[in-house]
């Protein structure tokens, strides 16, 4: 879904309170636009759920009956798909998701120490989000980067041979807010 209006709606919902949390009116608006675009394609449920998560940052429980009604399926069927696939989250997550590989190769190459450090450094357990809503910590079971264990993924980027120092550098980078610059020097104060 690349329609600029739809993307704008998603960005508006994410920006509603600065934390990716949308109110019910925003949820209904975003989900409604997605349904108009995708409900008539073959096998629409997964693409709809992916787009809802992409635009809102999660799949709100309140969106399930709306999606179910539009597709003529029960809320329970929609809920079953959301809870079956680990990619979907029914709770707001941080702006950045850090996934720590827990597969055997990573475990044998220092993954347990990395897990402990990640939890301690962020003050989180699995599936928790920092108070500033910037980072969510999640386990993942194999990133396919076994030759470079231990590994983490941040967004779409996989990092191998990860250690505590590198982890901290990545977290610091994620928390760095880029400065706003203007093309017009008169606007810069």
Protein backbone atom coordinates (compact mmCIF):
# COMPACT_ATOMS: atom_id res chain seq x y z
CA UNK A 1 0.00 0.00 0.00
CA UNK A 2 1.87 3.05 -1.20
CA UNK A 3 -0.92 5.59 -1.49
CA UNK A 4 0.37 8.86 -0.01
CA UNK A 5 -2.95 9.51 1.73
CA UNK A 6 -2.84 6.14 3.44
CA UNK A 7 0.78 6.60 4.47
CA UNK A 8 -0.10 10.02 5.83
CA UNK A 9 -2.91 8.53 7.90
CA UNK A 10 -0.54 6.00 9.40
CA UNK A 11 2.02 8.63 10.19
CA UNK A 12 -0.68 10.77 11.77
CA UNK A 13 -1.78 7.87 13.94
CA UNK A 14 1.79 7.13 14.99
CA UNK A 15 2.38 10.77 15.75
CA UNK A 16 -0.86 11.21 17.68
CA UNK A 17 0.89 11.14 21.04
CA UNK A 18 4.49 10.57 20.00
CA UNK A 19 4.44 6.95 21.11
CA UNK A 20 2.71 5.07 18.28
CA UNK A 21 -0.53 4.90 20.29
CA UNK A 22 -3.61 5.82 18.33
CA UNK A 23 -7.03 6.70 19.70
CA UNK A 24 -10.07 4.76 18.52
CA UNK A 25 -11.06 7.32 15.87
CA UNK A 26 -7.56 7.20 14.38
CA UNK A 27 -7.57 3.39 14.46
CA UNK A 28 -10.91 3.26 12.66
CA UNK A 29 -9.74 5.79 10.08
CA UNK A 30 -6.47 4.00 9.32
CA UNK A 31 -8.04 0.53 9.27
CA UNK A 32 -10.89 1.80 7.09
CA UNK A 33 -8.47 3.15 4.49
CA UNK A 34 -6.50 -0.11 4.51
CA UNK A 35 -9.67 -2.15 4.07
CA UNK A 36 -10.80 -0.05 1.11
CA UNK A 37 -7.45 -0.71 -0.54
CA UNK A 38 -6.95 -4.40 0.29
CA UNK A 39 -10.19 -6.19 1.24
CA UNK A 40 -10.97 -7.35 -2.31
CA UNK A 41 -7.58 -8.89 -3.12
CA UNK A 42 -7.26 -12.69 -2.92
CA UNK A 43 -6.39 -13.80 0.63
CA UNK A 44 -6.65 -10.31 2.09
CA UNK A 45 -6.33 -10.97 5.83
CA UNK A 46 -2.53 -11.21 6.13
CA UNK A 47 -1.82 -8.21 3.88
CA UNK A 48 -4.37 -6.18 5.85
CA UNK A 49 -2.83 -7.16 9.19
CA UNK A 50 0.68 -6.40 7.91
CA UNK A 51 -0.42 -2.96 6.75
CA UNK A 52 -2.24 -2.20 10.01
CA UNK A 53 0.88 -3.13 11.95
CA UNK A 54 3.06 -1.14 9.57
CA UNK A 55 0.97 2.00 9.92
CA UNK A 56 0.01 1.82 13.60
CA UNK A 57 3.02 -0.08 14.94
CA UNK A 58 0.78 -2.87 16.25
CA UNK A 59 -2.59 -4.52 15.57
CA UNK A 60 -4.97 -3.01 18.13
CA UNK A 61 -7.59 -5.36 19.59
CA UNK A 62 -10.23 -2.80 18.66
CA UNK A 63 -9.34 -3.23 14.97
CA UNK A 64 -10.16 -6.96 14.95
CA UNK A 65 -13.97 -6.69 14.75
CA UNK A 66 -13.68 -4.00 12.07
CA UNK A 67 -11.45 -6.24 9.95
CA UNK A 68 -13.61 -9.30 10.63
CA UNK A 69 -16.80 -7.54 9.59
CA UNK A 70 -15.23 -6.23 6.37
CA UNK A 71 -13.99 -9.72 5.44
CA UNK A 72 -17.13 -11.53 6.69
CA UNK A 73 -15.16 -13.56 9.23
CA UNK A 74 -15.36 -13.64 13.01
CA UNK A 75 -13.28 -11.52 15.34
CA UNK A 76 -11.99 -14.82 16.75
CA UNK A 77 -10.64 -15.83 13.33
CA UNK A 78 -8.79 -12.53 12.99
CA UNK A 79 -7.50 -12.84 16.57
CA UNK A 80 -6.31 -16.38 15.84
CA UNK A 81 -4.17 -15.17 12.95
CA UNK A 82 -2.75 -12.24 14.94
CA UNK A 83 -1.77 -14.51 17.83
CA UNK A 84 -0.48 -17.34 15.62
CA UNK A 85 2.14 -15.26 13.81
CA UNK A 86 4.88 -13.90 16.07
CA UNK A 87 5.43 -10.98 13.70
CA UNK A 88 2.17 -9.38 14.82
CA UNK A 89 1.87 -7.57 18.11
CA UNK A 90 -1.41 -6.67 19.76
CA UNK A 91 0.36 -4.23 22.09
CA UNK A 92 2.21 -1.06 21.17
CA UNK A 93 5.93 -1.67 20.82
CA UNK A 94 8.88 0.64 20.83
CA UNK A 95 9.96 2.60 17.81
CA UNK A 96 12.88 0.17 17.52
CA UNK A 97 12.65 -3.60 18.03
CA UNK A 98 15.85 -5.33 19.13
CA UNK A 99 15.68 -9.08 18.60
CA UNK A 100 18.33 -11.23 20.27
CA UNK A 101 18.92 -14.63 18.68
CA UNK A 102 18.38 -17.53 21.08
CA UNK A 103 19.23 -20.39 18.72
CA UNK A 104 21.81 -23.00 19.68
CA UNK A 105 24.68 -21.53 17.68
CA UNK A 106 24.27 -18.10 19.24
CA UNK A 107 23.84 -19.62 22.70
CA UNK A 108 27.09 -21.54 22.34
CA UNK A 109 28.99 -18.43 21.24
CA UNK A 110 28.04 -16.14 24.11
CA UNK A 111 24.37 -15.53 23.41
CA UNK A 112 23.31 -16.07 27.02
CA UNK A 113 25.74 -13.42 28.23
CA UNK A 114 24.49 -11.09 25.49
CA UNK A 115 20.86 -11.73 26.53
CA UNK A 116 21.69 -10.95 30.16
CA UNK A 117 23.54 -7.79 29.15
CA UNK A 118 20.72 -6.61 26.87
CA UNK A 119 18.13 -7.11 29.60
CA UNK A 120 20.31 -5.36 32.19
CA UNK A 121 21.38 -2.48 29.94
CA UNK A 122 17.79 -1.75 28.89
CA UNK A 123 16.19 -2.62 32.22
CA UNK A 124 13.78 -4.94 30.40
CA UNK A 125 12.71 -8.53 30.12
CA UNK A 126 11.52 -10.12 26.88
CA UNK A 127 8.61 -8.34 25.18
CA UNK A 128 8.96 -5.24 27.33
CA UNK A 129 9.43 -1.69 26.11
CA UNK A 130 11.53 1.10 27.58
CA UNK A 131 9.64 3.84 29.41
CA UNK A 132 10.46 6.30 26.62
CA UNK A 133 8.78 3.92 24.10
CA UNK A 134 11.95 3.83 22.02
CA UNK A 135 13.08 0.18 22.31
CA UNK A 136 11.33 -3.17 22.70
CA UNK A 137 13.41 -6.28 23.46
CA UNK A 138 12.32 -9.58 21.92
CA UNK A 139 13.83 -13.04 21.54
CA UNK A 140 14.08 -14.62 18.11
CA UNK A 141 14.90 -18.21 17.30
CA UNK A 142 17.50 -18.07 14.53
CA UNK A 143 18.37 -15.17 12.32
CA UNK A 144 20.19 -17.40 9.84
CA UNK A 145 23.49 -15.79 10.76
CA UNK A 146 24.96 -18.78 12.61
CA UNK A 147 28.47 -18.33 11.19
CA UNK A 148 28.61 -14.94 12.93
CA UNK A 149 27.07 -15.82 16.30
CA UNK A 150 25.83 -14.31 18.51
CA UNK A 151 23.51 -12.14 16.45
CA UNK A 152 20.83 -9.52 16.92
CA UNK A 153 18.43 -7.83 14.53
CA UNK A 154 17.31 -4.23 14.73
CA UNK A 155 14.56 -3.56 12.22
CA UNK A 156 15.76 -5.18 9.00
CA UNK A 157 19.47 -5.04 9.91
CA UNK A 158 21.22 -8.15 11.28
CA UNK A 159 24.40 -7.69 13.33
CA UNK A 160 26.77 -10.61 13.92
CA UNK A 161 29.55 -11.38 16.39
CA UNK A 162 27.73 -9.11 18.82
CA UNK A 163 29.22 -8.30 22.20
CA UNK A 164 28.12 -6.07 25.08
CA UNK A 165 30.12 -3.06 23.90
CA UNK A 166 28.71 -3.23 20.35
CA UNK A 167 25.21 -3.72 21.75
CA UNK A 168 25.56 -0.58 23.86
CA UNK A 169 26.82 1.39 20.84
CA UNK A 170 23.78 0.31 18.81
CA UNK A 171 21.41 1.25 21.63
CA UNK A 172 23.09 4.65 21.97
CA UNK A 173 22.71 5.18 18.23
CA UNK A 174 19.02 4.20 18.35
CA UNK A 175 18.39 6.68 21.14
CA UNK A 176 20.14 9.54 19.36
CA UNK A 177 17.59 11.98 18.07
CA UNK A 178 18.70 13.52 14.78
CA UNK A 179 18.88 17.30 14.75
CA UNK A 180 16.41 19.14 12.56
CA UNK A 181 18.03 21.22 9.86
CA UNK A 182 16.36 23.62 7.50
CA UNK A 183 17.28 24.32 3.89
CA UNK A 184 16.54 27.97 4.63
CA UNK A 185 19.25 29.43 6.93
CA UNK A 186 16.85 32.21 8.02
CA UNK A 187 14.70 29.55 9.74
CA UNK A 188 17.58 28.22 11.84
CA UNK A 189 17.79 29.85 15.26
